[in-house]
Structures are given as C-alpha cells and as structure tokens.
C-alpha cells in the first residue's frame, strides 16, 4: 500500500489516468438499462471527475454524487452496479486527504445512501441488507484511508522540517565556530604584538617595524580566512554548499600553514616551537582543516591567558598510513605568568574544540601540568564516528580541571 501511494504521489496524472482506464474498462459492457447514448455520457461524466479532483475536489465530488444519483433515480442501469461508481469512494478519500472534512462529512453519507438505495432496490431480501452494509463499510474504509495518508504526509513533512531545522542549526553553529576561531586568534595576536610594539617604540624602533609588519600580515590572513568563510555562504552551481574541506570554510591546514600560524603566535610569546612527525599525504583536507583550527584555538588561549613570558611547544604527529591511522595534536605551554591581555571571553573556546574533536570521532584531553597547561587531541583518519555519538571519557574535560582553558574563547 505504501509503495502504491508513493508511486501515485510521484506520478499523479499517470495514476489518475490508469484509474480512469480501469473504471472505464470494467464498465465497458454497459449493463442493461436505458439506451447507450444515455448510459455512456453519464458514465463518462462520473469517471472524468477522477481526473480533476485534485484541483477542484468539492466540485468533482458534487458532480460525481449527482451523476451517481441521476443514474439510480433515472433507471439508467438495471441491477448491475458499474464499477465506475468507485469514483464516489475516490471522492471521499480525496476530500479527507485534502483536509476538507466538512465536505467529506456531506459527501460520505450521500455516497453511502446511494449504495444503500441501490442495494435495497436491486438486491432481494437479506442480500439487500448485507449489500448495503458492505457498501457503507467501503465508504468508511475510504475515509480511514484518507486519514491515514493525510497523517502520513503530515508526519513526513514534519520530519523534513525537523531535518532542515537541524541542518540549519548545525550549519550556523559550524560557521559561528569558524568565525570565532578566526577572529579570536587574529585579534589576540594583533593585540599582543601591538602592546609589545608600544613598549619598544623608544628603545628599538626596528623591533617596532617588524612587529607592525606582523600585525599587518596577521590582519591580512584574517581577512583571507573571513572571505573563505563568506564564500561558503554562497551556493554552488547546483544550489548546495561545498563539501567539507577548504571549500567548506576550513583552512588548508598543510604543514606550511601551521608553521606560519605558530610563527605569528610565537612573536608575542617567549618562544614557540612546532614539531611535525610523519607526512600529511593521505590525510583528508577536512581533517587537516580541523587540526589547523585546534592548534589555532590552543595558541589563542596561550596568548590570552599565559602571558608574553610563556613558551609553547606544538607537536603534530600525522601517524603511519593504514586503517587505524590517527593524527595526534599536542600543545603544551610553560613558564607563563598569567599576564595575558585579558581579552573578552565567550567561554566557548574549549567547548568548540571538543565539538570539533567529537565531530571527527576523536578524543580530547585538557588539563594543567607542572608549570603550564597541556592539550592533546587524537583524530582518526578513517572510520570516524558520528557526531552524535556520546563523547568518550577522555573528551569529558571536567570544569574543575579546565583552569584558564575552561574560560577561553
């Protein structure tokens, strides 16, 4: 039944034409009664209502009921009930599906009355009662079928709306997370270096010039990433967003990009070191972009919370090729005095990082270490779990061990 209803929904006119052909073929014998030129036009009128019932359901139902009763009262057919009168059941079904229950409540009794009168007129004795009951049961079945199809369509529509709403909410959260990471990191680097330049303007002008160059390059890089994110909001030729990766608002994330990221952040710290193990060959662009954002957010927190005296060590291990290949990221800062610029915080820094790691099916560890703070993430290259899967114990960073990371951007 579901398959038949689905087919009729995809090809409505073809389904209606097939129904009309079946009804006409079944009534082609034109049972005995009045002259054929009386029976045939009335039969065509009755059956044709099926073809335009979708656009004008009430008018079609009125014509069908009128044609049926005219045939009965005028004695157009004798004894035999043409199968074309199934059009009455179709009208009841159509009105209920379209939500015209008031009209259906009028048409259904008229249809049931027609079938009952036919049975009482042409069926002898007890058979008339059974025939009338059977016909009325068919009318009730047509109503119930209409209710079922209407409810099923409403449920499917609600599901589509829920899926669309979830997709929109997820896309908004993803874009907001990307914008947060770009702006928080770039503004943090620019603020730290601008303050350093102000302190050095009377002692070493050359340092000031280099610092201003770094501020300028950081701002340009931020603008480039913002343009990439804005491009994501533009639909492609097919009207859909680009797949995850560089075209989905994520940076390329190649080793050269990471080195440039660490170098810019390190200019505002006592030191910054990037160590890379393995090669990025075979790692999807989307995963490289996530690695870039994780390192970016970690450096942002170091700049904002640890202060200029801190040093940071970034270790990136691309892992060995294979089905169990895992990319590991570790960021450790030491020697900080907590004298960062104290930029306004949204408290979403570590939470957004955890979302990224969970989306990739990985695990996240974050917590204080002697003299500093450590963050470690493991991201599987293949066989990532669904984003909705509950996070593992390693990714559940407790509020009491987050320290300053728990109040990051």
Protein backbone atom coordinates (compact mmCIF):
# COMPACT_ATOMS: atom_id res chain seq x y z
CA UNK A 1 0.00 0.00 0.00
CA UNK A 2 2.81 2.41 0.88
CA UNK A 3 4.59 1.64 -2.37
CA UNK A 4 1.41 2.22 -4.36
CA UNK A 5 0.71 5.50 -2.59
CA UNK A 6 4.30 6.61 -3.11
CA UNK A 7 4.09 5.82 -6.83
CA UNK A 8 0.81 7.71 -7.20
CA UNK A 9 2.35 10.67 -5.39
CA UNK A 10 5.30 10.79 -7.78
CA UNK A 11 3.16 10.41 -10.92
CA UNK A 12 -0.29 11.80 -10.01
CA UNK A 13 -1.68 12.27 -13.51
CA UNK A 14 -0.44 8.90 -14.68
CA UNK A 15 -2.04 7.25 -11.64
CA UNK A 16 -5.34 9.00 -12.25
CA UNK A 17 -5.32 8.11 -15.93
CA UNK A 18 -4.69 4.48 -15.03
CA UNK A 19 -7.58 4.56 -12.53
CA UNK A 20 -9.91 6.06 -15.14
CA UNK A 21 -8.86 3.43 -17.67
CA UNK A 22 -9.58 0.64 -15.17
CA UNK A 23 -13.00 2.05 -14.29
CA UNK A 24 -13.97 2.53 -17.92
CA UNK A 25 -12.73 -0.90 -18.90
CA UNK A 26 -14.68 -2.52 -16.08
CA UNK A 27 -17.83 -0.69 -17.13
CA UNK A 28 -17.29 -1.15 -20.88
CA UNK A 29 -20.02 -3.76 -21.00
CA UNK A 30 -22.58 -1.09 -20.14
CA UNK A 31 -25.09 -3.29 -18.30
CA UNK A 32 -28.66 -3.40 -19.43
CA UNK A 33 -30.71 -0.31 -18.95
CA UNK A 34 -31.62 2.68 -21.00
CA UNK A 35 -30.17 3.47 -24.43
CA UNK A 36 -26.40 3.52 -24.80
CA UNK A 37 -26.36 7.24 -25.71
CA UNK A 38 -27.83 7.89 -22.24
CA UNK A 39 -25.65 5.46 -20.32
CA UNK A 40 -22.31 6.30 -21.93
CA UNK A 41 -22.32 10.11 -21.35
CA UNK A 42 -23.38 9.62 -17.74
CA UNK A 43 -20.62 7.04 -17.26
CA UNK A 44 -18.00 9.38 -18.77
CA UNK A 45 -19.13 12.25 -16.54
CA UNK A 46 -18.91 10.04 -13.46
CA UNK A 47 -15.45 8.73 -14.25
CA UNK A 48 -13.98 12.01 -15.53
CA UNK A 49 -14.32 13.56 -12.08
CA UNK A 50 -11.29 11.49 -11.05
CA UNK A 51 -9.10 13.48 -13.43
CA UNK A 52 -9.78 16.93 -11.95
CA UNK A 53 -10.50 16.03 -8.36
CA UNK A 54 -7.10 17.35 -7.17
CA UNK A 55 -7.64 20.91 -8.36
CA UNK A 56 -11.35 21.13 -7.58
CA UNK A 57 -12.15 18.41 -5.03
CA UNK A 58 -15.51 19.81 -3.90
CA UNK A 59 -16.81 20.41 -7.41
CA UNK A 60 -15.63 16.96 -8.54
CA UNK A 61 -17.34 15.32 -5.57
CA UNK A 62 -20.57 17.21 -6.27
CA UNK A 63 -20.61 16.12 -9.93
CA UNK A 64 -19.78 12.51 -9.05
CA UNK A 65 -22.54 12.26 -6.44
CA UNK A 66 -25.01 13.94 -8.77
CA UNK A 67 -24.17 11.60 -11.67
CA UNK A 68 -24.49 8.53 -9.45
CA UNK A 69 -27.87 9.52 -8.05
CA UNK A 70 -29.10 10.56 -11.51
CA UNK A 71 -28.23 7.13 -12.84
CA UNK A 72 -30.03 5.44 -9.96
CA UNK A 73 -33.20 7.55 -9.95
CA UNK A 74 -33.40 7.58 -13.74
CA UNK A 75 -33.03 3.84 -14.05
CA UNK A 76 -30.04 4.27 -16.37
CA UNK A 77 -28.59 0.94 -15.25
CA UNK A 78 -30.56 -2.05 -14.05
CA UNK A 79 -29.44 -4.47 -11.37
CA UNK A 80 -25.73 -4.34 -12.17
CA UNK A 81 -23.73 -1.68 -10.32
CA UNK A 82 -20.96 -0.40 -12.66
CA UNK A 83 -17.50 -0.37 -11.15
CA UNK A 84 -17.31 3.27 -12.23
CA UNK A 85 -19.17 4.11 -9.04
CA UNK A 86 -15.87 3.56 -7.22
CA UNK A 87 -15.40 7.23 -8.16
CA UNK A 88 -17.61 8.04 -5.16
CA UNK A 89 -15.13 6.31 -2.85
CA UNK A 90 -12.29 8.20 -4.54
CA UNK A 91 -14.08 11.49 -3.86
CA UNK A 92 -14.49 10.71 -0.16
CA UNK A 93 -10.82 9.76 0.06
CA UNK A 94 -9.72 12.93 -1.78
CA UNK A 95 -11.71 15.29 0.43
CA UNK A 96 -10.30 13.74 3.61
CA UNK A 97 -6.72 13.81 2.31
CA UNK A 98 -7.10 17.48 1.38
CA UNK A 99 -8.39 18.29 4.86
CA UNK A 100 -11.93 19.06 3.63
CA UNK A 101 -13.55 17.02 6.37
CA UNK A 102 -16.67 19.21 6.38
CA UNK A 103 -17.30 18.49 2.71
CA UNK A 104 -16.39 14.85 3.24
CA UNK A 105 -18.96 14.66 6.04
CA UNK A 106 -21.61 15.66 3.47
CA UNK A 107 -20.38 13.54 0.56
CA UNK A 108 -19.80 10.36 2.57
CA UNK A 109 -23.46 10.00 3.74
CA UNK A 110 -24.67 10.79 0.21
CA UNK A 111 -22.38 8.11 -1.19
CA UNK A 112 -23.39 5.62 1.49
CA UNK A 113 -27.04 6.48 0.87
CA UNK A 114 -26.59 5.90 -2.84
CA UNK A 115 -25.07 2.46 -2.33
CA UNK A 116 -27.72 1.55 0.26
CA UNK A 117 -30.56 2.63 -2.03
CA UNK A 118 -29.05 0.66 -4.89
CA UNK A 119 -28.81 -2.46 -2.75
CA UNK A 120 -32.35 -2.13 -1.45
CA UNK A 121 -33.68 -1.60 -4.96
CA UNK A 122 -31.95 -4.37 -6.82
CA UNK A 123 -30.94 -6.98 -4.22
CA UNK A 124 -33.63 -9.33 -2.93
CA UNK A 125 -34.39 -9.97 0.74
CA UNK A 126 -31.50 -10.44 3.14
CA UNK A 127 -28.92 -9.80 0.46
CA UNK A 128 -30.02 -6.19 0.35
CA UNK A 129 -29.03 -5.67 3.99
CA UNK A 130 -25.67 -7.34 3.57
CA UNK A 131 -25.04 -5.44 0.36
CA UNK A 132 -25.89 -2.11 1.97
CA UNK A 133 -23.65 -2.87 4.97
CA UNK A 134 -20.77 -3.86 2.68
CA UNK A 135 -21.08 -0.68 0.60
CA UNK A 136 -21.20 1.51 3.70
CA UNK A 137 -18.11 -0.27 5.00
CA UNK A 138 -16.31 0.64 1.77
CA UNK A 139 -17.20 4.30 2.28
CA UNK A 140 -15.83 4.16 5.83
CA UNK A 141 -12.68 2.44 4.58
CA UNK A 142 -12.15 5.21 2.01
CA UNK A 143 -12.43 7.79 4.82
CA UNK A 144 -9.97 5.94 7.06
CA UNK A 145 -7.53 5.51 4.19
CA UNK A 146 -7.69 9.25 3.56
CA UNK A 147 -6.98 9.94 7.23
CA UNK A 148 -4.02 7.56 7.15
CA UNK A 149 -2.49 9.13 4.05
CA UNK A 150 -3.04 12.65 5.40
CA UNK A 151 -1.39 11.77 8.72
CA UNK A 152 1.49 10.08 6.96
CA UNK A 153 2.09 13.10 4.74
CA UNK A 154 1.95 15.43 7.74
CA UNK A 155 4.46 13.22 9.58
CA UNK A 156 6.81 13.14 6.59
CA UNK A 157 6.57 16.91 6.22
CA UNK A 158 7.29 17.40 9.91
CA UNK A 159 10.32 15.12 9.59
CA UNK A 160 11.61 17.10 6.63
CA UNK A 161 11.19 20.34 8.55
CA UNK A 162 12.95 18.90 11.58
CA UNK A 163 15.85 17.67 9.46
CA UNK A 164 16.08 21.03 7.69
CA UNK A 165 15.98 22.91 11.01
CA UNK A 166 18.69 20.67 12.46
CA UNK A 167 20.83 21.15 9.36
CA UNK A 168 20.42 24.93 9.54
CA UNK A 169 21.23 24.98 13.26
CA UNK A 170 24.29 22.80 12.71
CA UNK A 171 25.50 24.99 9.86
CA UNK A 172 25.01 28.13 11.93
CA UNK A 173 26.95 26.60 14.81
CA UNK A 174 29.75 25.50 12.47
CA UNK A 175 30.06 28.91 10.81
CA UNK A 176 29.92 30.66 14.19
CA UNK A 177 32.68 28.36 15.45
CA UNK A 178 34.84 29.12 12.42
CA UNK A 179 34.29 32.87 12.75
CA UNK A 180 35.10 32.68 16.45
CA UNK A 181 38.37 30.85 15.85
CA UNK A 182 39.49 33.20 13.07
CA UNK A 183 38.68 36.42 14.89
CA UNK A 184 39.75 35.34 18.37
CA UNK A 185 43.17 34.16 17.25
CA UNK A 186 43.91 37.01 14.86
CA UNK A 187 42.75 39.73 17.19
CA UNK A 188 44.66 38.14 20.07
CA UNK A 189 47.92 38.07 18.07
CA UNK A 190 47.41 41.63 16.91
CA UNK A 191 46.68 42.93 20.43
CA UNK A 192 49.69 41.18 21.99
CA UNK A 193 52.09 42.46 19.34
CA UNK A 194 50.62 45.95 19.31
CA UNK A 195 51.17 46.23 23.06
CA UNK A 196 54.70 44.90 22.65
CA UNK A 197 55.40 47.45 19.95
CA UNK A 198 54.18 50.25 22.21
CA UNK A 199 56.62 49.17 24.94
CA UNK A 200 59.55 49.00 22.49
CA UNK A 201 58.92 52.18 20.49
CA UNK A 202 61.51 54.21 22.47
CA UNK A 203 64.19 51.54 22.76
CA UNK A 204 64.30 49.60 19.49
CA UNK A 205 62.38 51.10 16.53
CA UNK A 206 63.45 48.19 14.33
CA UNK A 207 61.53 45.77 16.55
CA UNK A 208 58.51 48.05 16.28
CA UNK A 209 58.67 47.93 12.49
CA UNK A 210 58.89 44.12 12.46
CA UNK A 211 56.03 43.90 14.93
CA UNK A 212 53.84 46.18 12.87
CA UNK A 213 54.61 44.08 9.81
CA UNK A 214 53.46 41.02 11.76
CA UNK A 215 50.27 42.80 12.83
CA UNK A 216 49.61 43.72 9.20
CA UNK A 217 50.24 40.19 7.91
CA UNK A 218 48.04 38.74 10.64
CA UNK A 219 45.20 41.10 9.70
CA UNK A 220 45.55 40.19 6.03
CA UNK A 221 45.50 36.49 6.85
CA UNK A 222 42.37 37.00 8.95
CA UNK A 223 40.66 38.82 6.08
CA UNK A 224 41.58 35.98 3.73
CA UNK A 225 40.04 33.41 6.05
CA UNK A 226 36.93 35.53 6.53
CA UNK A 227 36.48 35.73 2.76
CA UNK A 228 36.79 31.94 2.62
CA UNK A 229 34.05 31.62 5.20
CA UNK A 230 31.81 34.10 3.41
CA UNK A 231 32.28 32.16 0.18
CA UNK A 232 30.78 29.15 1.95
CA UNK A 233 27.53 31.06 2.37
CA UNK A 234 27.23 31.38 -1.39
CA UNK A 235 25.57 28.35 -3.03
CA UNK A 236 27.41 26.48 -5.75
CA UNK A 237 26.09 25.91 -9.25
CA UNK A 238 23.80 23.13 -8.04
CA UNK A 239 22.48 25.24 -5.19
CA UNK A 240 24.22 23.29 -2.42
CA UNK A 241 27.10 24.08 -0.10
CA UNK A 242 30.54 22.84 -0.90
CA UNK A 243 31.65 19.60 0.79
CA UNK A 244 33.77 19.78 3.96
CA UNK A 245 37.36 20.81 3.47
CA UNK A 246 38.93 24.00 2.23
CA UNK A 247 35.76 24.80 0.28
CA UNK A 248 33.70 24.48 3.47
CA UNK A 249 35.28 27.41 5.26
CA UNK A 250 38.18 25.44 6.73
CA UNK A 251 41.78 26.48 6.07
CA UNK A 252 44.02 24.14 4.05
CA UNK A 253 45.92 23.05 7.17
CA UNK A 254 49.11 21.99 5.40
CA UNK A 255 52.36 21.92 7.43
CA UNK A 256 53.46 25.22 5.87
CA UNK A 257 50.25 26.88 7.05
CA UNK A 258 50.76 25.52 10.56
CA UNK A 259 54.32 26.78 10.67
CA UNK A 260 53.14 30.25 9.67
CA UNK A 261 50.42 30.07 12.34
CA UNK A 262 52.89 29.11 15.09
CA UNK A 263 55.39 31.75 13.92
CA UNK A 264 52.82 34.55 14.14
CA UNK A 265 51.68 33.43 17.59
CA UNK A 266 55.25 32.94 18.79
CA UNK A 267 56.11 36.58 18.05
CA UNK A 268 54.04 37.56 21.06
CA UNK A 269 55.47 34.85 23.35
CA UNK A 270 58.83 33.97 24.82
CA UNK A 271 59.11 31.18 22.27
CA UNK A 272 57.08 28.84 20.06
CA UNK A 273 58.16 25.56 18.52
CA UNK A 274 56.39 23.30 16.02
CA UNK A 275 57.49 19.70 15.65
CA UNK A 276 55.98 17.55 12.91
CA UNK A 277 56.23 13.78 12.70
CA UNK A 278 55.19 11.92 9.59
CA UNK A 279 53.66 13.34 6.44
CA UNK A 280 50.24 14.75 5.62
CA UNK A 281 49.91 12.61 2.50
CA UNK A 282 46.63 10.74 2.55
CA UNK A 283 45.04 12.85 5.29
CA UNK A 284 41.72 14.39 4.09
CA UNK A 285 41.65 18.14 3.63
CA UNK A 286 38.73 18.44 6.05
CA UNK A 287 40.73 16.75 8.83
CA UNK A 288 43.76 18.97 8.13
CA UNK A 289 41.48 21.98 8.47
CA UNK A 290 40.23 20.74 11.83
CA UNK A 291 43.82 20.23 13.01
CA UNK A 292 44.63 23.80 11.98
CA UNK A 293 41.68 25.17 13.96
CA UNK A 294 42.57 23.12 17.05
CA UNK A 295 46.14 24.43 17.06
CA UNK A 296 44.85 27.95 16.37
CA UNK A 297 42.46 27.88 19.31
CA UNK A 298 45.12 26.41 21.61
CA UNK A 299 47.56 29.19 20.70
CA UNK A 300 44.82 31.78 21.20
CA UNK A 301 44.30 30.60 24.76
CA UNK A 302 48.03 30.68 25.45
CA UNK A 303 48.29 34.26 24.15
CA UNK A 304 45.29 35.45 26.09
CA UNK A 305 45.88 33.67 29.41
CA UNK A 306 49.52 32.66 29.85
CA UNK A 307 51.15 36.00 29.01
CA UNK A 308 54.14 37.09 26.96
CA UNK A 309 56.63 35.17 29.15
CA UNK A 310 55.14 31.82 28.23
CA UNK A 311 56.60 29.47 25.66
CA UNK A 312 54.60 26.93 23.72
CA UNK A 313 55.50 23.58 22.20
CA UNK A 314 53.28 22.18 19.44
CA UNK A 315 53.66 18.55 18.41
CA UNK A 316 51.83 17.24 15.35
CA UNK A 317 52.03 13.56 14.50
CA UNK A 318 50.32 12.53 11.24
CA UNK A 319 50.64 8.85 12.10
CA UNK A 320 51.56 5.88 9.96
CA UNK A 321 49.40 5.10 6.89
CA UNK A 322 46.86 2.36 7.49
CA UNK A 323 43.28 1.69 8.52
CA UNK A 324 43.99 2.72 12.12
CA UNK A 325 45.86 5.87 11.23
CA UNK A 326 45.40 8.63 13.79
CA UNK A 327 46.50 12.25 13.71
CA UNK A 328 47.66 13.45 17.14
CA UNK A 329 47.97 17.06 18.23
CA UNK A 330 49.63 18.16 21.47
CA UNK A 331 50.03 21.76 22.64
CA UNK A 332 51.92 22.46 25.88
CA UNK A 333 52.69 25.89 27.27
CA UNK A 334 55.12 26.55 30.13
CA UNK A 335 56.58 29.45 32.01
CA UNK A 336 53.57 31.75 31.82
CA UNK A 337 52.73 34.29 34.49
CA UNK A 338 49.05 34.70 33.67
CA UNK A 339 49.72 38.21 32.43
CA UNK A 340 47.91 37.95 29.13
CA UNK A 341 45.99 40.83 27.58
CA UNK A 342 42.76 39.52 29.10
CA UNK A 343 40.63 39.87 26.02
CA UNK A 344 36.86 39.41 26.48
CA UNK A 345 35.98 35.71 26.57
CA UNK A 346 32.84 33.91 25.39
CA UNK A 347 33.69 30.73 27.30
CA UNK A 348 33.31 28.68 24.11
CA UNK A 349 36.99 28.02 23.40
CA UNK A 350 37.41 24.54 24.82
CA UNK A 351 33.75 23.66 24.18
CA UNK A 352 34.14 24.45 20.49
CA UNK A 353 37.37 22.48 20.35
CA UNK A 354 35.65 19.50 21.96
CA UNK A 355 32.89 19.73 19.33
CA UNK A 356 35.45 19.63 16.56
CA UNK A 357 37.18 16.60 18.01
CA UNK A 358 33.89 14.81 18.63
CA UNK A 359 32.71 15.55 15.09
CA UNK A 360 35.85 13.88 13.81
CA UNK A 361 35.29 10.84 16.04
CA UNK A 362 38.35 11.59 18.18
CA UNK A 363 39.20 12.22 21.81
CA UNK A 364 40.36 15.31 23.68
CA UNK A 365 42.39 15.70 26.86
CA UNK A 366 42.98 19.04 28.57
CA UNK A 367 44.38 19.87 31.96
CA UNK A 368 47.13 21.59 33.91
CA UNK A 369 50.70 20.26 34.01
CA UNK A 370 53.62 21.41 36.17
CA UNK A 371 54.33 24.99 35.13
CA UNK A 372 51.66 25.24 32.45
CA UNK A 373 48.80 23.61 30.58
CA UNK A 374 48.53 20.71 28.15
CA UNK A 375 46.02 19.89 25.46
CA UNK A 376 46.09 16.67 23.45
CA UNK A 377 43.71 15.57 20.69
CA UNK A 378 43.60 12.30 18.72
CA UNK A 379 41.71 12.32 15.43
CA UNK A 380 41.18 9.10 13.44
CA UNK A 381 41.78 9.44 9.72
CA UNK A 382 39.40 6.61 8.78
CA UNK A 383 36.20 5.28 10.32
CA UNK A 384 35.21 8.44 12.19
CA UNK A 385 32.18 8.03 14.40
CA UNK A 386 29.03 10.08 14.05
CA UNK A 387 28.98 13.48 15.60
CA UNK A 388 26.02 12.50 17.71
CA UNK A 389 27.83 9.61 19.39
CA UNK A 390 28.45 10.26 23.07
CA UNK A 391 31.90 11.57 23.82
CA UNK A 392 34.37 9.25 25.47
CA UNK A 393 35.68 9.73 28.96
CA UNK A 394 38.89 11.25 27.62
CA UNK A 395 36.95 14.04 25.92
CA UNK A 396 34.99 14.97 29.03
CA UNK A 397 37.18 17.71 30.46
CA UNK A 398 35.90 18.47 33.93
CA UNK A 399 35.21 22.06 34.87
CA UNK A 400 37.46 21.81 37.92
CA UNK A 401 40.49 20.80 35.82
CA UNK A 402 39.98 23.22 32.93
CA UNK A 403 41.66 26.11 34.65
CA UNK A 404 42.01 29.09 32.40
CA UNK A 405 41.18 26.91 29.34
CA UNK A 406 37.63 26.44 30.57
CA UNK A 407 37.09 30.17 30.17
CA UNK A 408 38.69 30.57 26.76
CA UNK A 409 37.07 31.93 23.71
